[in-house]
N, C-alpha and C. Protein backbone atom coordinates (compact mmCIF):
# COMPACT_ATOMS: atom_id res chain seq x y z
N MET A 1 16.09 -11.91 -8.15
CA MET A 1 15.43 -11.87 -6.86
C MET A 1 14.12 -12.65 -6.97
N ASP A 2 14.01 -13.69 -6.18
CA ASP A 2 12.78 -14.49 -6.23
C ASP A 2 11.85 -14.11 -5.08
N VAL A 3 10.74 -14.79 -4.98
CA VAL A 3 9.70 -14.44 -4.01
C VAL A 3 10.19 -14.62 -2.57
N ASN A 4 11.08 -15.57 -2.33
CA ASN A 4 11.58 -15.77 -0.96
C ASN A 4 12.45 -14.60 -0.50
N ASP A 5 13.20 -14.01 -1.42
CA ASP A 5 13.99 -12.83 -1.07
C ASP A 5 13.07 -11.66 -0.71
N MET A 6 11.97 -11.53 -1.43
CA MET A 6 11.00 -10.48 -1.12
C MET A 6 10.36 -10.72 0.25
N ARG A 7 10.07 -11.96 0.55
CA ARG A 7 9.48 -12.29 1.85
C ARG A 7 10.43 -11.93 2.98
N VAL A 8 11.71 -12.23 2.81
CA VAL A 8 12.70 -11.90 3.82
C VAL A 8 12.82 -10.39 3.97
N ALA A 9 12.83 -9.67 2.87
CA ALA A 9 12.94 -8.21 2.91
C ALA A 9 11.75 -7.59 3.63
N VAL A 10 10.55 -8.06 3.35
CA VAL A 10 9.34 -7.54 4.00
C VAL A 10 9.35 -7.88 5.49
N MET A 11 9.80 -9.09 5.83
CA MET A 11 9.86 -9.49 7.23
C MET A 11 10.86 -8.63 7.99
N LEU A 12 12.02 -8.37 7.40
CA LEU A 12 13.02 -7.53 8.06
C LEU A 12 12.53 -6.09 8.19
N LEU A 13 11.86 -5.57 7.18
CA LEU A 13 11.29 -4.23 7.26
C LEU A 13 10.26 -4.16 8.38
N GLY A 14 9.41 -5.16 8.49
CA GLY A 14 8.42 -5.21 9.56
C GLY A 14 9.08 -5.26 10.94
N LEU A 15 10.15 -6.02 11.06
CA LEU A 15 10.87 -6.12 12.33
C LEU A 15 11.49 -4.77 12.70
N VAL A 16 12.10 -4.10 11.74
CA VAL A 16 12.70 -2.80 12.00
C VAL A 16 11.62 -1.79 12.40
N LEU A 17 10.48 -1.79 11.72
CA LEU A 17 9.39 -0.89 12.08
C LEU A 17 8.86 -1.19 13.48
N PHE A 18 8.70 -2.46 13.79
CA PHE A 18 8.22 -2.85 15.11
C PHE A 18 9.17 -2.37 16.20
N LEU A 19 10.47 -2.60 16.01
CA LEU A 19 11.45 -2.18 17.01
C LEU A 19 11.52 -0.66 17.12
N GLY A 20 11.35 0.04 16.01
CA GLY A 20 11.33 1.50 16.04
C GLY A 20 10.14 2.04 16.82
N ILE A 21 8.96 1.48 16.58
CA ILE A 21 7.76 1.91 17.31
C ILE A 21 7.89 1.56 18.79
N TRP A 22 8.44 0.39 19.08
CA TRP A 22 8.64 -0.03 20.47
C TRP A 22 9.58 0.94 21.19
N ALA A 23 10.68 1.31 20.55
CA ALA A 23 11.64 2.23 21.16
C ALA A 23 11.00 3.61 21.35
N TRP A 24 10.19 4.05 20.39
CA TRP A 24 9.53 5.36 20.49
C TRP A 24 8.56 5.39 21.66
N THR A 25 7.80 4.31 21.86
CA THR A 25 6.81 4.31 22.93
C THR A 25 7.46 4.22 24.30
N TRP A 26 8.60 3.59 24.43
CA TRP A 26 9.28 3.46 25.72
C TRP A 26 10.29 4.57 25.96
N SER A 27 10.36 5.53 25.05
CA SER A 27 11.29 6.65 25.19
C SER A 27 10.89 7.51 26.39
N SER A 28 11.87 7.92 27.17
CA SER A 28 11.57 8.75 28.35
C SER A 28 11.10 10.14 27.94
N ARG A 29 11.42 10.59 26.74
CA ARG A 29 10.95 11.89 26.27
C ARG A 29 9.45 11.89 26.03
N ARG A 30 8.84 10.75 25.77
CA ARG A 30 7.41 10.65 25.48
C ARG A 30 6.58 10.36 26.72
N ARG A 31 7.21 10.09 27.84
CA ARG A 31 6.48 9.67 29.05
C ARG A 31 5.42 10.69 29.46
N GLU A 32 5.75 11.98 29.49
CA GLU A 32 4.80 12.99 29.93
C GLU A 32 3.57 13.05 29.01
N ALA A 33 3.79 12.96 27.71
CA ALA A 33 2.66 13.00 26.77
C ALA A 33 1.77 11.78 26.93
N PHE A 34 2.38 10.62 27.12
CA PHE A 34 1.59 9.40 27.28
C PHE A 34 0.85 9.38 28.61
N ASP A 35 1.48 9.90 29.67
CA ASP A 35 0.79 9.98 30.96
C ASP A 35 -0.42 10.92 30.88
N GLU A 36 -0.25 12.03 30.18
CA GLU A 36 -1.37 12.96 29.99
C GLU A 36 -2.48 12.31 29.17
N ALA A 37 -2.14 11.60 28.12
CA ALA A 37 -3.15 10.93 27.29
C ALA A 37 -3.86 9.83 28.07
N ALA A 38 -3.16 9.19 28.98
CA ALA A 38 -3.77 8.12 29.78
C ALA A 38 -4.84 8.67 30.72
N GLN A 39 -4.74 9.93 31.10
CA GLN A 39 -5.70 10.53 32.02
C GLN A 39 -6.91 11.13 31.33
N LEU A 40 -6.90 11.24 30.00
CA LEU A 40 -8.01 11.86 29.28
C LEU A 40 -9.38 11.25 29.58
N PRO A 41 -9.52 9.94 29.69
CA PRO A 41 -10.86 9.39 29.98
C PRO A 41 -11.41 9.80 31.34
N PHE A 42 -10.56 10.22 32.24
CA PHE A 42 -10.99 10.53 33.61
C PHE A 42 -11.27 12.01 33.83
N ILE A 43 -10.99 12.83 32.84
CA ILE A 43 -11.23 14.27 32.96
C ILE A 43 -12.72 14.53 32.77
N ASP A 44 -13.30 15.35 33.65
CA ASP A 44 -14.73 15.67 33.54
C ASP A 44 -14.99 16.39 32.23
N ASP A 45 -16.07 16.00 31.60
CA ASP A 45 -16.48 16.62 30.35
C ASP A 45 -17.19 17.92 30.66
N GLU A 46 -16.71 19.03 30.12
CA GLU A 46 -17.30 20.34 30.40
C GLU A 46 -18.72 20.45 29.86
N SER A 47 -19.00 19.84 28.68
CA SER A 47 -20.36 19.90 28.15
C SER A 47 -21.30 19.09 29.02
N GLY A 48 -20.76 18.09 29.67
CA GLY A 48 -21.45 17.37 30.72
C GLY A 48 -22.55 16.43 30.28
N LEU A 49 -22.94 15.65 31.24
CA LEU A 49 -24.06 14.74 31.09
C LEU A 49 -25.09 15.12 32.14
N ARG A 50 -26.34 14.86 31.85
CA ARG A 50 -27.37 15.09 32.86
C ARG A 50 -27.19 14.07 33.98
N ASP A 51 -27.93 14.25 35.04
CA ASP A 51 -27.80 13.35 36.19
C ASP A 51 -28.12 11.90 35.84
N ASN A 52 -29.00 11.69 34.84
CA ASN A 52 -29.37 10.32 34.48
C ASN A 52 -28.46 9.74 33.41
N GLY A 53 -27.41 10.46 33.00
CA GLY A 53 -26.44 9.92 32.07
C GLY A 53 -26.69 10.28 30.62
N GLU A 54 -27.76 11.01 30.32
CA GLU A 54 -28.03 11.39 28.95
C GLU A 54 -27.30 12.66 28.60
N LYS A 55 -26.94 12.80 27.33
CA LYS A 55 -26.29 14.03 26.87
C LYS A 55 -27.31 15.16 26.85
N GLN A 56 -26.82 16.37 27.11
CA GLN A 56 -27.70 17.55 27.11
C GLN A 56 -27.97 18.01 25.71
């Protein structure tokens, strides 16, 4: 096995990982969790900020 075979193996492993992550993110079972995570920046912080934007 020479260096080119290793390069091909690593490239194929990377492709399989990429496709696996892509399929996981577009899975309909994950949609609710991702929608909830997308709204996190818009939820009011209970510890709050003062009126001028400084932390209490």
